[in-house]
Amino acid sequence: MGQVLEIEPSGDLVENEEVVIKVMGEPVPQGSVRAFVTKSGRPIITHSNKNTKEWRQRIATEGQAKRPEHWDMDQAVLLNIDFLMPRPKSLPKKVVEDIKRPDLDKLIRAVMDALTGIYYQDDSQVIHIFASKKYTGKNDAPGVTITIICQSVKEECQDR
């Protein structure tokens, strides 16, 4: 955790506060969600990727461990998300960019959903996202590094 600006003695955030979370393991995208109603009228919601729940839980657990006690969940949030994807052994060394599945936006959705209720009430509070995905290097392990920045919202902006 690092401060972008100062924290007042009262513990209130003055402007920005930064938290960095690292989660090891192969990143899992947020699959598509399907909903249907059974003959008895009971709604059922299914996810197309069965591994998403465990991946989101791992992100949430790391996020909770790093969250400062005084974190303001009603503020605007900026996210920087860097995914390290496993490099297939059959991939030629000249290939540098990871342009294969999973899609970056689905990887981001899994992270945002995992952090909802921990760093923000609703993902509509995320006002900026910078994200990347790349293959692991020789000494790298797959995973994700998430930087969360709480940005103070000025009262005059809230009145509009």
N, C-alpha and C. Protein backbone atom coordinates (compact mmCIF):
# COMPACT_ATOMS: atom_id res chain seq x y z
N MET A 1 0.85 -1.16 0.00
CA MET A 1 0.00 0.00 0.00
C MET A 1 0.90 1.22 0.00
N GLY A 2 0.54 2.22 -0.80
CA GLY A 2 1.30 3.45 -0.82
C GLY A 2 0.37 4.63 -0.92
N GLN A 3 0.82 5.75 -0.39
CA GLN A 3 0.03 6.96 -0.47
C GLN A 3 0.44 7.72 -1.72
N VAL A 4 -0.55 8.18 -2.43
CA VAL A 4 -0.31 9.05 -3.55
C VAL A 4 -0.21 10.47 -3.01
N LEU A 5 -1.05 10.81 -2.04
CA LEU A 5 -0.97 12.07 -1.29
C LEU A 5 -1.10 11.72 0.19
N GLU A 6 -1.15 12.72 1.03
CA GLU A 6 -1.15 12.51 2.48
C GLU A 6 -2.51 12.07 3.03
N ILE A 7 -2.47 11.40 4.17
CA ILE A 7 -3.68 11.08 4.92
C ILE A 7 -3.68 11.99 6.14
N GLU A 8 -4.82 12.60 6.42
CA GLU A 8 -4.94 13.50 7.57
C GLU A 8 -4.78 12.71 8.86
N PRO A 9 -4.39 13.38 9.96
CA PRO A 9 -4.24 12.69 11.25
C PRO A 9 -5.52 11.97 11.68
N SER A 10 -6.67 12.45 11.24
CA SER A 10 -7.94 11.81 11.60
C SER A 10 -8.10 10.44 10.93
N GLY A 11 -7.23 10.16 9.95
CA GLY A 11 -7.34 8.90 9.21
C GLY A 11 -8.14 9.04 7.94
N ASP A 12 -8.71 10.23 7.68
CA ASP A 12 -9.50 10.44 6.47
C ASP A 12 -8.57 10.57 5.27
N LEU A 13 -9.04 10.10 4.12
CA LEU A 13 -8.27 10.26 2.89
C LEU A 13 -8.33 11.70 2.43
N VAL A 14 -7.18 12.28 2.11
CA VAL A 14 -7.15 13.65 1.63
C VAL A 14 -7.43 13.66 0.14
N GLU A 15 -6.69 12.92 -0.62
CA GLU A 15 -6.89 12.88 -2.07
C GLU A 15 -6.90 11.43 -2.57
N ASN A 16 -5.73 10.83 -2.65
CA ASN A 16 -5.62 9.51 -3.26
C ASN A 16 -4.88 8.54 -2.35
N GLU A 17 -5.27 7.29 -2.38
CA GLU A 17 -4.54 6.24 -1.69
C GLU A 17 -4.45 5.05 -2.63
N GLU A 18 -3.32 4.38 -2.61
CA GLU A 18 -3.05 3.30 -3.55
C GLU A 18 -2.82 2.00 -2.81
N VAL A 19 -3.41 0.92 -3.33
CA VAL A 19 -3.21 -0.43 -2.80
C VAL A 19 -2.82 -1.33 -3.97
N VAL A 20 -1.81 -2.18 -3.75
CA VAL A 20 -1.37 -3.11 -4.80
C VAL A 20 -1.64 -4.53 -4.32
N ILE A 21 -2.31 -5.30 -5.16
CA ILE A 21 -2.66 -6.68 -4.87
C ILE A 21 -2.03 -7.57 -5.94
N LYS A 22 -1.39 -8.65 -5.51
CA LYS A 22 -0.85 -9.64 -6.46
C LYS A 22 -1.51 -10.97 -6.18
N VAL A 23 -2.03 -11.58 -7.23
CA VAL A 23 -2.67 -12.89 -7.12
C VAL A 23 -1.98 -13.82 -8.12
N MET A 24 -1.40 -14.88 -7.62
CA MET A 24 -0.70 -15.82 -8.48
C MET A 24 -1.67 -16.89 -8.99
N GLY A 25 -1.37 -17.43 -10.15
CA GLY A 25 -2.21 -18.45 -10.77
C GLY A 25 -2.68 -17.97 -12.12
N GLU A 26 -3.14 -18.90 -12.92
CA GLU A 26 -3.59 -18.54 -14.27
C GLU A 26 -4.87 -17.72 -14.20
N PRO A 27 -4.84 -16.49 -14.76
CA PRO A 27 -6.05 -15.66 -14.75
C PRO A 27 -7.21 -16.33 -15.47
N VAL A 28 -8.41 -16.17 -14.91
CA VAL A 28 -9.62 -16.79 -15.46
C VAL A 28 -10.60 -15.69 -15.85
N PRO A 29 -11.12 -15.74 -17.08
CA PRO A 29 -12.07 -14.71 -17.51
C PRO A 29 -13.44 -14.90 -16.87
N GLN A 30 -14.18 -13.81 -16.80
CA GLN A 30 -15.58 -13.85 -16.35
C GLN A 30 -16.37 -14.40 -17.52
N GLY A 31 -16.89 -15.56 -17.43
CA GLY A 31 -17.64 -16.14 -18.53
C GLY A 31 -18.96 -15.45 -18.74
N SER A 32 -19.64 -15.83 -19.76
CA SER A 32 -20.98 -15.30 -20.02
C SER A 32 -21.95 -15.85 -19.00
N VAL A 33 -22.93 -15.05 -18.65
CA VAL A 33 -23.95 -15.47 -17.69
C VAL A 33 -25.23 -15.76 -18.45
N ARG A 34 -25.85 -16.89 -18.10
CA ARG A 34 -27.13 -17.24 -18.71
C ARG A 34 -28.16 -17.41 -17.61
N ALA A 35 -29.34 -16.92 -17.87
CA ALA A 35 -30.43 -17.07 -16.89
C ALA A 35 -31.63 -17.70 -17.58
N PHE A 36 -32.31 -18.57 -16.84
CA PHE A 36 -33.53 -19.17 -17.38
C PHE A 36 -34.42 -19.54 -16.19
N VAL A 37 -35.65 -19.84 -16.49
CA VAL A 37 -36.63 -20.19 -15.46
C VAL A 37 -37.04 -21.64 -15.66
N THR A 38 -37.03 -22.41 -14.56
CA THR A 38 -37.43 -23.81 -14.64
C THR A 38 -38.95 -23.92 -14.78
N LYS A 39 -39.42 -25.12 -15.04
CA LYS A 39 -40.86 -25.33 -15.18
C LYS A 39 -41.62 -24.95 -13.91
N SER A 40 -40.95 -25.08 -12.77
CA SER A 40 -41.59 -24.74 -11.50
C SER A 40 -41.57 -23.22 -11.24
N GLY A 41 -40.94 -22.47 -12.15
CA GLY A 41 -40.90 -21.02 -12.02
C GLY A 41 -39.68 -20.49 -11.26
N ARG A 42 -38.77 -21.38 -10.89
CA ARG A 42 -37.57 -20.98 -10.15
C ARG A 42 -36.50 -20.46 -11.11
N PRO A 43 -35.97 -19.24 -10.88
CA PRO A 43 -34.93 -18.72 -11.77
C PRO A 43 -33.58 -19.40 -11.50
N ILE A 44 -32.85 -19.67 -12.56
CA ILE A 44 -31.53 -20.28 -12.47
C ILE A 44 -30.55 -19.40 -13.24
N ILE A 45 -29.40 -19.12 -12.61
CA ILE A 45 -28.35 -18.34 -13.29
C ILE A 45 -27.11 -19.22 -13.35
N THR A 46 -26.54 -19.35 -14.56
CA THR A 46 -25.35 -20.17 -14.73
C THR A 46 -24.24 -19.34 -15.38
N HIS A 47 -23.00 -19.73 -15.08
CA HIS A 47 -21.83 -19.11 -15.67
C HIS A 47 -21.20 -20.11 -16.62
N SER A 48 -20.71 -19.61 -17.77
CA SER A 48 -20.14 -20.53 -18.75
C SER A 48 -18.74 -21.01 -18.36
N ASN A 49 -18.07 -20.33 -17.41
CA ASN A 49 -16.74 -20.74 -16.99
C ASN A 49 -16.80 -21.17 -15.52
N LYS A 50 -16.65 -22.46 -15.27
CA LYS A 50 -16.79 -22.99 -13.92
C LYS A 50 -15.65 -22.59 -12.99
N ASN A 51 -14.51 -22.14 -13.53
CA ASN A 51 -13.36 -21.75 -12.71
C ASN A 51 -13.40 -20.29 -12.26
N THR A 52 -14.34 -19.52 -12.78
CA THR A 52 -14.41 -18.09 -12.47
C THR A 52 -14.63 -17.85 -10.98
N LYS A 53 -15.50 -18.60 -10.36
CA LYS A 53 -15.85 -18.37 -8.95
C LYS A 53 -14.61 -18.50 -8.06
N GLU A 54 -13.83 -19.53 -8.26
CA GLU A 54 -12.62 -19.73 -7.45
C GLU A 54 -11.60 -18.62 -7.68
N TRP A 55 -11.42 -18.20 -8.94
CA TRP A 55 -10.48 -17.12 -9.26
C TRP A 55 -10.92 -15.81 -8.61
N ARG A 56 -12.20 -15.49 -8.71
CA ARG A 56 -12.72 -14.27 -8.08
C ARG A 56 -12.55 -14.33 -6.56
N GLN A 57 -12.74 -15.50 -5.98
CA GLN A 57 -12.59 -15.65 -4.53
C GLN A 57 -11.14 -15.41 -4.12
N ARG A 58 -10.20 -15.88 -4.90
CA ARG A 58 -8.78 -15.66 -4.60
C ARG A 58 -8.44 -14.18 -4.65
N ILE A 59 -8.98 -13.47 -5.66
CA ILE A 59 -8.76 -12.02 -5.77
C ILE A 59 -9.37 -11.32 -4.57
N ALA A 60 -10.60 -11.70 -4.22
CA ALA A 60 -11.29 -11.07 -3.10
C ALA A 60 -10.54 -11.30 -1.78
N THR A 61 -10.03 -12.49 -1.57
CA THR A 61 -9.29 -12.80 -0.35
C THR A 61 -8.03 -11.94 -0.24
N GLU A 62 -7.27 -11.85 -1.33
CA GLU A 62 -6.07 -11.00 -1.32
C GLU A 62 -6.45 -9.54 -1.14
N GLY A 63 -7.54 -9.13 -1.78
CA GLY A 63 -7.99 -7.75 -1.68
C GLY A 63 -8.39 -7.39 -0.26
N GLN A 64 -9.10 -8.27 0.42
CA GLN A 64 -9.50 -8.02 1.80
C GLN A 64 -8.29 -7.92 2.72
N ALA A 65 -7.30 -8.76 2.47
CA ALA A 65 -6.09 -8.74 3.31
C ALA A 65 -5.32 -7.43 3.17
N LYS A 66 -5.37 -6.81 2.02
CA LYS A 66 -4.61 -5.58 1.77
C LYS A 66 -5.40 -4.30 2.01
N ARG A 67 -6.70 -4.39 2.21
CA ARG A 67 -7.54 -3.20 2.32
C ARG A 67 -7.29 -2.46 3.63
N PRO A 68 -6.94 -1.17 3.55
CA PRO A 68 -6.76 -0.39 4.78
C PRO A 68 -8.09 -0.24 5.52
N GLU A 69 -8.03 -0.15 6.84
CA GLU A 69 -9.24 -0.03 7.66
C GLU A 69 -10.05 1.22 7.30
N HIS A 70 -9.37 2.30 6.96
CA HIS A 70 -10.04 3.58 6.72
C HIS A 70 -10.46 3.77 5.25
N TRP A 71 -10.40 2.73 4.44
CA TRP A 71 -10.73 2.86 3.01
C TRP A 71 -12.16 3.36 2.84
N ASP A 72 -12.34 4.35 1.98
CA ASP A 72 -13.66 4.94 1.74
C ASP A 72 -14.29 4.28 0.52
N MET A 73 -15.29 3.45 0.72
CA MET A 73 -15.91 2.70 -0.38
C MET A 73 -16.88 3.53 -1.21
N ASP A 74 -17.08 4.80 -0.87
CA ASP A 74 -18.00 5.65 -1.62
C ASP A 74 -17.27 6.57 -2.59
N GLN A 75 -15.97 6.42 -2.73
CA GLN A 75 -15.18 7.30 -3.59
C GLN A 75 -14.99 6.70 -4.98
N ALA A 76 -14.51 7.55 -5.88
CA ALA A 76 -14.15 7.11 -7.23
C ALA A 76 -12.89 6.24 -7.14
N VAL A 77 -12.79 5.27 -8.03
CA VAL A 77 -11.67 4.33 -8.01
C VAL A 77 -11.05 4.25 -9.40
N LEU A 78 -9.72 4.19 -9.43
CA LEU A 78 -8.96 3.98 -10.65
C LEU A 78 -8.30 2.61 -10.53
N LEU A 79 -8.29 1.84 -11.60
CA LEU A 79 -7.69 0.50 -11.59
C LEU A 79 -6.60 0.39 -12.63
N ASN A 80 -5.48 -0.21 -12.23
CA ASN A 80 -4.43 -0.61 -13.16
C ASN A 80 -4.28 -2.12 -12.99
N ILE A 81 -4.56 -2.88 -14.04
CA ILE A 81 -4.59 -4.34 -13.95
C ILE A 81 -3.64 -4.92 -14.99
N ASP A 82 -2.65 -5.67 -14.53
CA ASP A 82 -1.67 -6.29 -15.42
C ASP A 82 -1.75 -7.81 -15.27
N PHE A 83 -2.16 -8.47 -16.35
CA PHE A 83 -2.27 -9.92 -16.36
C PHE A 83 -1.02 -10.53 -16.97
N LEU A 84 -0.49 -11.57 -16.32
CA LEU A 84 0.59 -12.38 -16.89
C LEU A 84 0.00 -13.73 -17.23
N MET A 85 -0.05 -14.01 -18.52
CA MET A 85 -0.67 -15.25 -18.99
C MET A 85 0.41 -16.29 -19.27
N PRO A 86 0.10 -17.58 -19.07
CA PRO A 86 1.09 -18.61 -19.35
C PRO A 86 1.40 -18.65 -20.86
N ARG A 87 2.66 -18.75 -21.16
CA ARG A 87 3.09 -18.80 -22.56
C ARG A 87 3.05 -20.25 -23.04
N PRO A 88 2.26 -20.54 -24.08
CA PRO A 88 2.23 -21.91 -24.61
C PRO A 88 3.61 -22.35 -25.09
N LYS A 89 3.98 -23.59 -24.77
CA LYS A 89 5.31 -24.09 -25.16
C LYS A 89 5.47 -24.14 -26.67
N SER A 90 4.38 -24.32 -27.40
CA SER A 90 4.44 -24.42 -28.86
C SER A 90 4.51 -23.06 -29.56
N LEU A 91 4.39 -21.99 -28.81
CA LEU A 91 4.37 -20.65 -29.39
C LEU A 91 5.78 -20.24 -29.82
N PRO A 92 5.95 -19.81 -31.07
CA PRO A 92 7.28 -19.37 -31.53
C PRO A 92 7.80 -18.20 -30.68
N LYS A 93 9.10 -18.17 -30.43
CA LYS A 93 9.70 -17.13 -29.59
C LYS A 93 9.52 -15.74 -30.17
N LYS A 94 9.34 -15.63 -31.49
CA LYS A 94 9.18 -14.31 -32.10
C LYS A 94 7.83 -13.67 -31.77
N VAL A 95 6.86 -14.49 -31.30
CA VAL A 95 5.56 -13.95 -30.92
C VAL A 95 5.70 -13.31 -29.53
N VAL A 96 5.46 -12.01 -29.48
CA VAL A 96 5.63 -11.26 -28.24
C VAL A 96 4.30 -10.94 -27.58
N GLU A 97 3.33 -10.50 -28.35
CA GLU A 97 2.04 -10.05 -27.80
C GLU A 97 1.06 -11.20 -27.63
N ASP A 98 0.32 -11.16 -26.55
CA ASP A 98 -0.72 -12.16 -26.28
C ASP A 98 -2.02 -11.68 -26.91
N ILE A 99 -2.29 -12.14 -28.12
CA ILE A 99 -3.51 -11.72 -28.82
C ILE A 99 -4.51 -12.88 -28.93
N LYS A 100 -4.31 -13.88 -28.11
CA LYS A 100 -5.22 -15.04 -28.09
C LYS A 100 -6.21 -14.90 -26.95
N ARG A 101 -7.18 -15.81 -26.91
CA ARG A 101 -8.15 -15.84 -25.82
C ARG A 101 -7.42 -16.18 -24.53
N PRO A 102 -7.91 -15.73 -23.41
CA PRO A 102 -9.17 -15.04 -23.18
C PRO A 102 -9.09 -13.55 -23.50
N ASP A 103 -10.26 -12.96 -23.76
CA ASP A 103 -10.35 -11.54 -24.05
C ASP A 103 -10.00 -10.73 -22.81
N LEU A 104 -9.31 -9.63 -23.02
CA LEU A 104 -8.91 -8.76 -21.92
C LEU A 104 -10.11 -8.23 -21.16
N ASP A 105 -11.19 -7.86 -21.86
CA ASP A 105 -12.35 -7.30 -21.16
C ASP A 105 -13.00 -8.31 -20.22
N LYS A 106 -12.98 -9.59 -20.55
CA LYS A 106 -13.56 -10.60 -19.66
C LYS A 106 -12.66 -10.87 -18.46
N LEU A 107 -11.35 -10.75 -18.64
CA LEU A 107 -10.43 -10.85 -17.51
C LEU A 107 -10.66 -9.69 -16.54
N ILE A 108 -10.84 -8.50 -17.09
CA ILE A 108 -11.09 -7.29 -16.28
C ILE A 108 -12.40 -7.45 -15.50
N ARG A 109 -13.44 -7.95 -16.16
CA ARG A 109 -14.74 -8.11 -15.48
C ARG A 109 -14.64 -9.01 -14.26
N ALA A 110 -13.84 -10.07 -14.36
CA ALA A 110 -13.67 -10.98 -13.22
C ALA A 110 -13.02 -10.24 -12.04
N VAL A 111 -12.03 -9.41 -12.33
CA VAL A 111 -11.35 -8.64 -11.28
C VAL A 111 -12.31 -7.63 -10.67
N MET A 112 -13.03 -6.89 -11.50
CA MET A 112 -13.94 -5.87 -10.99
C MET A 112 -15.04 -6.49 -10.13
N ASP A 113 -15.59 -7.60 -10.55
CA ASP A 113 -16.63 -8.27 -9.76
C ASP A 113 -16.07 -8.77 -8.43
N ALA A 114 -14.84 -9.26 -8.43
CA ALA A 114 -14.22 -9.78 -7.21
C ALA A 114 -13.99 -8.67 -6.18
N LEU A 115 -13.73 -7.45 -6.65
CA LEU A 115 -13.41 -6.34 -5.75
C LEU A 115 -14.65 -5.55 -5.30
N THR A 116 -15.81 -5.82 -5.92
CA THR A 116 -17.05 -5.14 -5.53
C THR A 116 -17.40 -5.55 -4.10
N GLY A 117 -17.71 -4.56 -3.28
CA GLY A 117 -18.01 -4.81 -1.87
C GLY A 117 -16.79 -4.80 -0.98
N ILE A 118 -15.60 -4.71 -1.58
CA ILE A 118 -14.35 -4.65 -0.82
C ILE A 118 -13.71 -3.28 -0.96
N TYR A 119 -13.63 -2.79 -2.21
CA TYR A 119 -13.01 -1.49 -2.47
C TYR A 119 -14.00 -0.45 -3.00
N TYR A 120 -15.17 -0.90 -3.44
CA TYR A 120 -16.22 0.00 -3.91
C TYR A 120 -17.55 -0.71 -3.79
N GLN A 121 -18.61 0.11 -3.62
CA GLN A 121 -19.96 -0.44 -3.48
C GLN A 121 -20.46 -1.03 -4.80
N ASP A 122 -20.14 -0.36 -5.89
CA ASP A 122 -20.63 -0.74 -7.21
C ASP A 122 -19.54 -0.44 -8.23
N ASP A 123 -19.42 -1.26 -9.25
CA ASP A 123 -18.35 -1.03 -10.22
C ASP A 123 -18.56 0.23 -11.07
N SER A 124 -19.69 0.90 -10.90
CA SER A 124 -19.88 2.20 -11.57
C SER A 124 -18.94 3.25 -10.98
N GLN A 125 -18.39 2.99 -9.80
CA GLN A 125 -17.45 3.92 -9.16
C GLN A 125 -16.07 3.87 -9.80
N VAL A 126 -15.82 2.86 -10.63
CA VAL A 126 -14.54 2.76 -11.32
C VAL A 126 -14.58 3.75 -12.49
N ILE A 127 -13.75 4.79 -12.41
CA ILE A 127 -13.79 5.86 -13.40
C ILE A 127 -12.66 5.77 -14.42
N HIS A 128 -11.69 4.90 -14.17
CA HIS A 128 -10.57 4.76 -15.10
C HIS A 128 -9.99 3.36 -14.95
N ILE A 129 -9.74 2.70 -16.09
CA ILE A 129 -9.10 1.39 -16.08
C ILE A 129 -7.97 1.40 -17.08
N PHE A 130 -6.79 0.98 -16.64
CA PHE A 130 -5.68 0.73 -17.54
C PHE A 130 -5.32 -0.73 -17.34
N ALA A 131 -5.39 -1.52 -18.41
CA ALA A 131 -5.16 -2.95 -18.28
C ALA A 131 -4.29 -3.47 -19.40
N SER A 132 -3.57 -4.55 -19.11
CA SER A 132 -2.74 -5.19 -20.13
C SER A 132 -2.69 -6.69 -19.85
N LYS A 133 -2.39 -7.44 -20.90
CA LYS A 133 -2.11 -8.86 -20.73
C LYS A 133 -0.90 -9.17 -21.59
N LYS A 134 -0.01 -9.96 -21.03
CA LYS A 134 1.16 -10.38 -21.78
C LYS A 134 1.57 -11.76 -21.31
N TYR A 135 2.42 -12.40 -22.12
CA TYR A 135 2.89 -13.72 -21.76
C TYR A 135 3.95 -13.63 -20.67
N THR A 136 4.04 -14.67 -19.87
CA THR A 136 5.07 -14.73 -18.84
C THR A 136 6.43 -14.85 -19.50
N GLY A 137 7.43 -14.33 -18.82
CA GLY A 137 8.82 -14.50 -19.25
C GLY A 137 9.39 -15.77 -18.64
N LYS A 138 10.68 -15.99 -18.84
CA LYS A 138 11.32 -17.20 -18.33
C LYS A 138 11.18 -17.36 -16.82
N ASN A 139 11.31 -16.28 -16.08
CA ASN A 139 11.29 -16.35 -14.63
C ASN A 139 9.99 -15.86 -14.01
N ASP A 140 8.96 -15.67 -14.83
CA ASP A 140 7.68 -15.17 -14.34
C ASP A 140 6.70 -16.31 -14.13
N ALA A 141 5.75 -16.08 -13.24
CA ALA A 141 4.65 -17.01 -13.04
C ALA A 141 3.36 -16.31 -13.44
N PRO A 142 2.37 -17.04 -13.93
CA PRO A 142 1.10 -16.41 -14.29
C PRO A 142 0.42 -15.79 -13.07
N GLY A 143 -0.36 -14.76 -13.32
CA GLY A 143 -1.08 -14.10 -12.25
C GLY A 143 -1.56 -12.72 -12.67
N VAL A 144 -1.94 -11.93 -11.69
CA VAL A 144 -2.42 -10.58 -11.96
C VAL A 144 -1.89 -9.65 -10.87
N THR A 145 -1.53 -8.45 -11.27
CA THR A 145 -1.17 -7.39 -10.34
C THR A 145 -2.21 -6.29 -10.52
N ILE A 146 -2.88 -5.94 -9.42
CA ILE A 146 -3.96 -4.96 -9.46
C ILE A 146 -3.56 -3.78 -8.57
N THR A 147 -3.57 -2.59 -9.15
CA THR A 147 -3.35 -1.38 -8.37
C THR A 147 -4.67 -0.64 -8.29
N ILE A 148 -5.11 -0.38 -7.07
CA ILE A 148 -6.39 0.29 -6.82
C ILE A 148 -6.08 1.64 -6.22
N ILE A 149 -6.60 2.69 -6.84
CA ILE A 149 -6.39 4.04 -6.33
C ILE A 149 -7.74 4.65 -5.99
N CYS A 150 -7.89 5.04 -4.73
CA CYS A 150 -9.09 5.71 -4.27
C CYS A 150 -8.89 7.20 -4.53
N GLN A 151 -9.75 7.79 -5.31
CA GLN A 151 -9.65 9.21 -5.64
C GLN A 151 -10.75 9.96 -4.94
N SER A 152 -10.37 10.93 -4.14
CA SER A 152 -11.33 11.72 -3.40
C SER A 152 -12.26 12.45 -4.36
N VAL A 153 -13.55 12.39 -4.07
CA VAL A 153 -14.55 13.10 -4.88
C VAL A 153 -14.87 14.40 -4.16
N LYS A 154 -14.69 15.50 -4.84
CA LYS A 154 -14.96 16.81 -4.25
C LYS A 154 -16.45 17.01 -4.06
N GLU A 155 -16.86 17.62 -2.94
CA GLU A 155 -18.30 17.82 -2.65
C GLU A 155 -19.00 18.64 -3.72
N GLU A 156 -18.29 19.64 -4.27
CA GLU A 156 -18.95 20.47 -5.28
C GLU A 156 -19.28 19.65 -6.54
N CYS A 157 -18.53 18.60 -6.79
CA CYS A 157 -18.83 17.75 -7.94
C CYS A 157 -20.03 16.86 -7.66
N GLN A 158 -20.23 16.46 -6.40
CA GLN A 158 -21.32 15.56 -6.05
C GLN A 158 -22.67 16.27 -6.13
N ASP A 159 -22.70 17.60 -6.00
CA ASP A 159 -23.95 18.34 -6.00
C ASP A 159 -24.53 18.55 -7.39
N ARG A 160 -23.80 18.20 -8.43
CA ARG A 160 -24.29 18.43 -9.80
C ARG A 160 -25.34 17.46 -10.21
